């Protein structure tokens, strides 16, 4: 099953990324949602240390929402030491200080270090702790860096999948130069000053014709239109300015028609 935002006509991005290591996860649903978050940001290598409910796990597959390519290649380990043995750079994610003399970095800083290490041929691992109490001190001690998130200190606990997603997002953003998956196509070509002037000249002529047709006095409408046009914020996109101006002129025409209808009604009553 794929998510509502998944376009199956598009090919996925394949990148050499860090290894996500889940330490003794309790619920299969959390493993599946973590895999889904990994898939969102092109992370494909998942290691699990001693999952409580065993492996494979049907609940994980259901929660993965199509990230089967990640779950199908999960690596299982009995201990954290075994799971991180080949890592040349290891991060431990935690919301607690653990009182260890290790550099503490934010996700965006970790992303830069991850990219540099992978570019140099290294293997990067990121440890994520148990749902109930996270990583133990001896597990954090294995890491080179601590990663923590700028969150509300009074409510700092993150869901396992949320933590994976935040790290994955920062890494993927860096790896892809923050390229967005799509952009709004141009609806119209830029309008030149000459075209704009021609548009308003024609508009003023038509407004004057309407004025003459209904016999309204008070001078040419052009004298009223141009100051209003000049007062519109030049910082707006040209197409938006046209829309604002056209709408304003339509209001002028509507007002003139109302005045004409009123005058005709008055003549009939008289």
Protein backbone atom coordinates (compact mmCIF):
# COMPACT_ATOMS: atom_id res chain seq x y z
CA UNK A 1 0.00 0.00 0.00
CA UNK A 2 1.35 3.40 -0.90
CA UNK A 3 0.56 6.72 0.71
CA UNK A 4 -1.72 9.32 -0.80
CA UNK A 5 1.29 11.43 -1.78
CA UNK A 6 3.07 8.62 -3.63
CA UNK A 7 3.24 8.93 -7.42
CA UNK A 8 4.05 5.48 -8.77
CA UNK A 9 4.94 6.91 -12.16
CA UNK A 10 8.05 8.53 -10.64
CA UNK A 11 11.24 6.66 -9.88
CA UNK A 12 12.67 6.88 -6.38
CA UNK A 13 15.95 8.47 -5.39
CA UNK A 14 18.82 6.12 -4.64
CA UNK A 15 21.47 7.51 -2.32
CA UNK A 16 24.26 6.07 -0.20
CA UNK A 17 23.06 7.01 3.26
CA UNK A 18 23.58 6.19 6.92
CA UNK A 19 22.44 3.00 8.63
CA UNK A 20 19.42 3.33 10.93
CA UNK A 21 19.82 1.12 14.01
CA UNK A 22 16.79 0.49 16.22
CA UNK A 23 17.72 -0.81 19.66
CA UNK A 24 15.22 -3.28 21.13
CA UNK A 25 12.10 -1.72 19.61
CA UNK A 26 8.96 -2.88 21.37
CA UNK A 27 6.13 -2.44 18.88
CA UNK A 28 6.06 -3.69 15.32
CA UNK A 29 4.00 -0.65 14.37
CA UNK A 30 6.84 1.65 15.40
CA UNK A 31 9.32 -0.35 13.33
CA UNK A 32 7.02 -0.08 10.32
CA UNK A 33 6.47 3.65 10.74
CA UNK A 34 10.22 4.16 11.13
CA UNK A 35 10.74 2.27 7.87
CA UNK A 36 8.16 4.48 6.22
CA UNK A 37 10.00 7.58 7.43
CA UNK A 38 13.23 6.13 6.06
CA UNK A 39 11.60 5.58 2.68
CA UNK A 40 10.45 9.20 2.61
CA UNK A 41 14.07 10.32 2.64
CA UNK A 42 15.79 7.56 0.66
CA UNK A 43 17.28 5.76 3.65
CA UNK A 44 17.35 2.05 2.92
CA UNK A 45 19.62 0.31 5.46
CA UNK A 46 17.80 -0.76 8.63
CA UNK A 47 19.30 -2.79 11.45
CA UNK A 48 17.30 -4.01 14.42
CA UNK A 49 18.77 -5.13 17.71
CA UNK A 50 16.77 -7.79 19.57
CA UNK A 51 13.19 -6.71 18.68
CA UNK A 52 10.82 -7.59 21.53
CA UNK A 53 8.15 -9.27 19.38
CA UNK A 54 10.55 -11.08 17.07
CA UNK A 55 11.03 -10.79 13.33
CA UNK A 56 9.44 -10.73 10.79
CA UNK A 57 6.52 -8.77 12.19
CA UNK A 58 3.12 -8.45 10.51
CA UNK A 59 2.32 -5.22 12.37
CA UNK A 60 5.52 -3.65 11.05
CA UNK A 61 4.61 -4.57 7.49
CA UNK A 62 1.16 -3.06 7.84
CA UNK A 63 2.48 0.18 9.32
CA UNK A 64 5.24 0.57 6.73
CA UNK A 65 2.76 1.80 4.10
CA UNK A 66 4.70 0.39 1.17
CA UNK A 67 8.24 0.52 2.54
CA UNK A 68 8.58 -3.23 2.02
CA UNK A 69 11.89 -2.78 0.20
CA UNK A 70 13.34 -1.66 3.53
CA UNK A 71 11.73 -4.30 5.74
CA UNK A 72 12.65 -7.09 3.33
CA UNK A 73 16.35 -6.33 3.84
CA UNK A 74 16.41 -5.74 7.59
CA UNK A 75 19.56 -6.94 9.36
CA UNK A 76 19.04 -8.49 12.79
CA UNK A 77 21.54 -8.40 15.66
CA UNK A 78 21.56 -9.68 19.21
CA UNK A 79 23.63 -6.83 20.66
CA UNK A 80 24.29 -3.17 19.92
CA UNK A 81 28.02 -3.86 19.75
CA UNK A 82 27.47 -6.30 16.90
CA UNK A 83 25.17 -3.89 15.06
CA UNK A 84 27.68 -1.02 15.09
CA UNK A 85 30.90 -3.00 14.63
CA UNK A 86 31.52 -1.76 11.07
CA UNK A 87 30.57 1.89 11.69
CA UNK A 88 33.34 4.44 11.31
CA UNK A 89 31.10 7.21 12.65
CA UNK A 90 28.29 6.55 15.12
CA UNK A 91 25.58 8.89 16.39
CA UNK A 92 23.32 8.28 19.38
CA UNK A 93 19.96 10.06 19.39
CA UNK A 94 18.70 11.05 22.82
CA UNK A 95 16.68 13.70 24.61
CA UNK A 96 18.78 13.28 27.79
CA UNK A 97 22.29 14.51 28.50
CA UNK A 98 23.60 11.16 29.85
CA UNK A 99 26.48 13.17 31.43
CA UNK A 100 29.02 11.97 28.89
CA UNK A 101 31.86 14.04 27.47
CA UNK A 102 30.76 13.77 23.87
CA UNK A 103 30.01 16.42 21.25
CA UNK A 104 26.30 17.20 21.10
CA UNK A 105 25.02 18.23 17.69
CA UNK A 106 21.73 19.19 16.09
CA UNK A 107 20.30 17.15 13.20
CA UNK A 108 21.49 19.58 10.52
CA UNK A 109 25.06 19.45 11.84
CA UNK A 110 24.89 15.66 12.03
CA UNK A 111 23.71 15.61 8.41
CA UNK A 112 26.83 17.47 7.28
CA UNK A 113 29.12 15.10 9.18
CA UNK A 114 27.24 12.08 7.83
CA UNK A 115 27.61 13.31 4.24
CA UNK A 116 31.34 13.96 4.69
CA UNK A 117 31.98 10.55 6.24
CA UNK A 118 30.07 8.69 3.53
CA UNK A 119 31.82 10.67 0.81
CA UNK A 120 35.11 9.55 2.33
CA UNK A 121 34.05 5.90 2.13
CA UNK A 122 33.01 5.46 5.76
CA UNK A 123 29.97 3.74 7.24
CA UNK A 124 27.72 5.89 9.41
CA UNK A 125 25.29 4.48 11.95
CA UNK A 126 22.55 6.26 13.89
CA UNK A 127 21.29 4.67 17.11
CA UNK A 128 17.66 5.06 18.13
CA UNK A 129 16.59 3.82 21.57
CA UNK A 130 13.62 1.99 23.01
CA UNK A 131 10.18 3.55 23.00
CA UNK A 132 9.92 3.57 26.80
CA UNK A 133 13.32 4.82 27.94
CA UNK A 134 15.60 5.32 24.96
CA UNK A 135 19.27 4.37 24.96
CA UNK A 136 21.18 3.23 28.02
CA UNK A 137 24.40 4.93 29.13
CA UNK A 138 26.64 2.13 27.90
CA UNK A 139 24.99 2.27 24.48
CA UNK A 140 25.46 6.02 24.22
CA UNK A 141 29.08 5.48 25.25
CA UNK A 142 29.66 3.57 22.00
CA UNK A 143 28.82 6.63 19.91
CA UNK A 144 31.12 9.36 18.63
CA UNK A 145 28.43 12.04 18.77
CA UNK A 146 25.12 12.68 20.48
CA UNK A 147 22.28 14.00 18.35
CA UNK A 148 19.46 15.82 20.06
CA UNK A 149 16.57 17.90 18.78
CA UNK A 150 15.54 21.49 19.54
CA UNK A 151 12.19 20.66 21.12
CA UNK A 152 10.07 21.88 24.00
CA UNK A 153 12.17 20.95 27.09
CA UNK A 154 8.98 20.30 29.03
CA UNK A 155 7.82 17.75 26.45
CA UNK A 156 10.95 16.44 24.76
CA UNK A 157 10.05 12.81 24.08
CA UNK A 158 9.65 11.90 20.41
CA UNK A 159 7.99 8.91 18.84
CA UNK A 160 10.56 6.52 17.34
CA UNK A 161 9.43 7.21 13.78
CA UNK A 162 9.45 10.97 14.41
CA UNK A 163 13.08 10.85 15.48
CA UNK A 164 14.03 8.84 12.40
CA UNK A 165 12.10 11.25 10.19
CA UNK A 166 13.81 14.36 11.58
CA UNK A 167 17.27 12.93 11.01
CA UNK A 168 16.30 11.61 7.58
CA UNK A 169 14.85 14.94 6.54
CA UNK A 170 17.98 16.91 7.38
CA UNK A 171 20.23 14.39 5.65
CA UNK A 172 18.08 14.15 2.51
CA UNK A 173 17.72 17.93 2.30
CA UNK A 174 21.50 18.28 2.35
CA UNK A 175 22.09 15.39 -0.07
CA UNK A 176 19.64 16.77 -2.65
CA UNK A 177 20.38 20.49 -2.19
CA UNK A 178 16.86 20.90 -0.75
CA UNK A 179 15.33 20.39 -4.21
CA UNK A 180 11.53 20.36 -4.07
CA UNK A 181 9.74 17.50 -5.87
CA UNK A 182 7.62 19.83 -7.97
CA UNK A 183 6.97 23.50 -8.66
CA UNK A 184 4.07 25.55 -9.90
CA UNK A 185 4.33 25.86 -13.69
CA UNK A 186 4.36 29.29 -15.27
CA UNK A 187 0.83 30.20 -16.28
CA UNK A 188 1.78 33.10 -18.49
CA UNK A 189 4.83 34.81 -19.90
CA UNK A 190 6.17 37.95 -18.23
CA UNK A 191 4.45 41.11 -19.42
CA UNK A 192 6.51 43.97 -20.81
CA UNK A 193 5.95 47.62 -19.93
CA UNK A 194 4.86 48.23 -23.52
CA UNK A 195 2.18 45.54 -23.26
CA UNK A 196 1.00 46.90 -19.94
CA UNK A 197 0.70 50.41 -21.31
CA UNK A 198 -1.21 49.17 -24.35
CA UNK A 199 -3.55 47.24 -22.05
CA UNK A 200 -4.40 50.27 -19.95
CA UNK A 201 -4.69 52.61 -22.93
CA UNK A 202 -7.26 50.27 -24.41
CA UNK A 203 -9.05 49.92 -21.08
CA UNK A 204 -9.32 53.66 -20.63
CA UNK A 205 -10.70 54.07 -24.17
CA UNK A 206 -13.36 51.46 -23.48
CA UNK A 207 -14.27 53.05 -20.16
CA UNK A 208 -14.63 56.43 -21.84
CA UNK A 209 -16.94 54.86 -24.45
CA UNK A 210 -19.11 53.51 -21.64
CA UNK A 211 -19.16 56.91 -20.01
CA UNK A 212 -20.21 58.61 -23.23
CA UNK A 213 -22.83 55.93 -23.91
CA UNK A 214 -24.64 56.46 -20.61
CA UNK A 215 -24.07 60.20 -20.68
CA UNK A 216 -22.27 60.39 -17.35
CA UNK A 217 -20.48 63.61 -16.57
CA UNK A 218 -17.60 64.48 -14.30
CA UNK A 219 -14.67 64.25 -16.72
CA UNK A 220 -12.94 61.36 -18.45
CA UNK A 221 -12.73 58.07 -16.60
CA UNK A 222 -9.05 57.86 -17.49
CA UNK A 223 -8.38 60.54 -14.90
CA UNK A 224 -9.83 58.24 -12.22
CA UNK A 225 -8.32 54.97 -13.44
CA UNK A 226 -4.67 55.93 -13.79
CA UNK A 227 -4.11 57.23 -10.23
CA UNK A 228 -5.71 54.06 -8.87
CA UNK A 229 -3.42 51.95 -11.03
CA UNK A 230 -0.34 53.88 -9.95
CA UNK A 231 -1.19 53.28 -6.30
CA UNK A 232 -0.92 49.49 -6.50
CA UNK A 233 2.15 47.98 -4.82
CA UNK A 234 4.87 47.55 -7.43
CA UNK A 235 6.40 44.70 -5.44
CA UNK A 236 3.59 42.37 -6.43
CA UNK A 237 4.06 40.01 -9.37
CA UNK A 238 3.01 41.58 -12.66
CA UNK A 239 0.32 38.98 -13.31
CA UNK A 240 -1.19 39.62 -9.90
CA UNK A 241 -1.20 43.35 -10.53
CA UNK A 242 -3.12 42.78 -13.74
CA UNK A 243 -5.68 40.75 -11.84
CA UNK A 244 -6.08 43.46 -9.17
CA UNK A 245 -6.40 46.19 -11.74
CA UNK A 246 -8.80 44.30 -13.96
CA UNK A 247 -10.98 43.57 -10.98
CA UNK A 248 -10.98 47.22 -9.98
CA UNK A 249 -11.97 48.30 -13.46
CA UNK A 250 -14.72 45.72 -13.52
CA UNK A 251 -16.04 47.30 -10.33
CA UNK A 252 -16.06 50.67 -12.09
CA UNK A 253 -18.08 49.26 -14.98
CA UNK A 254 -20.49 47.57 -12.57
CA UNK A 255 -21.01 50.81 -10.69
CA UNK A 256 -21.70 52.65 -13.93
CA UNK A 257 -24.24 50.03 -14.94
CA UNK A 258 -25.97 50.37 -11.58
CA UNK A 259 -26.10 54.13 -11.99
CA UNK A 260 -27.56 53.72 -15.47
CA UNK A 261 -30.24 51.30 -14.22
CA UNK A 262 -31.09 53.70 -11.41
CA UNK A 263 -31.46 56.63 -13.80
CA UNK A 264 -33.70 54.61 -16.13
CA UNK A 265 -35.87 53.50 -13.24
CA UNK A 266 -36.20 57.09 -12.08
CA UNK A 267 -37.25 58.21 -15.60
CA UNK A 268 -39.94 55.50 -15.73
CA UNK A 269 -41.33 56.48 -12.33
CA UNK A 270 -41.37 60.12 -13.37
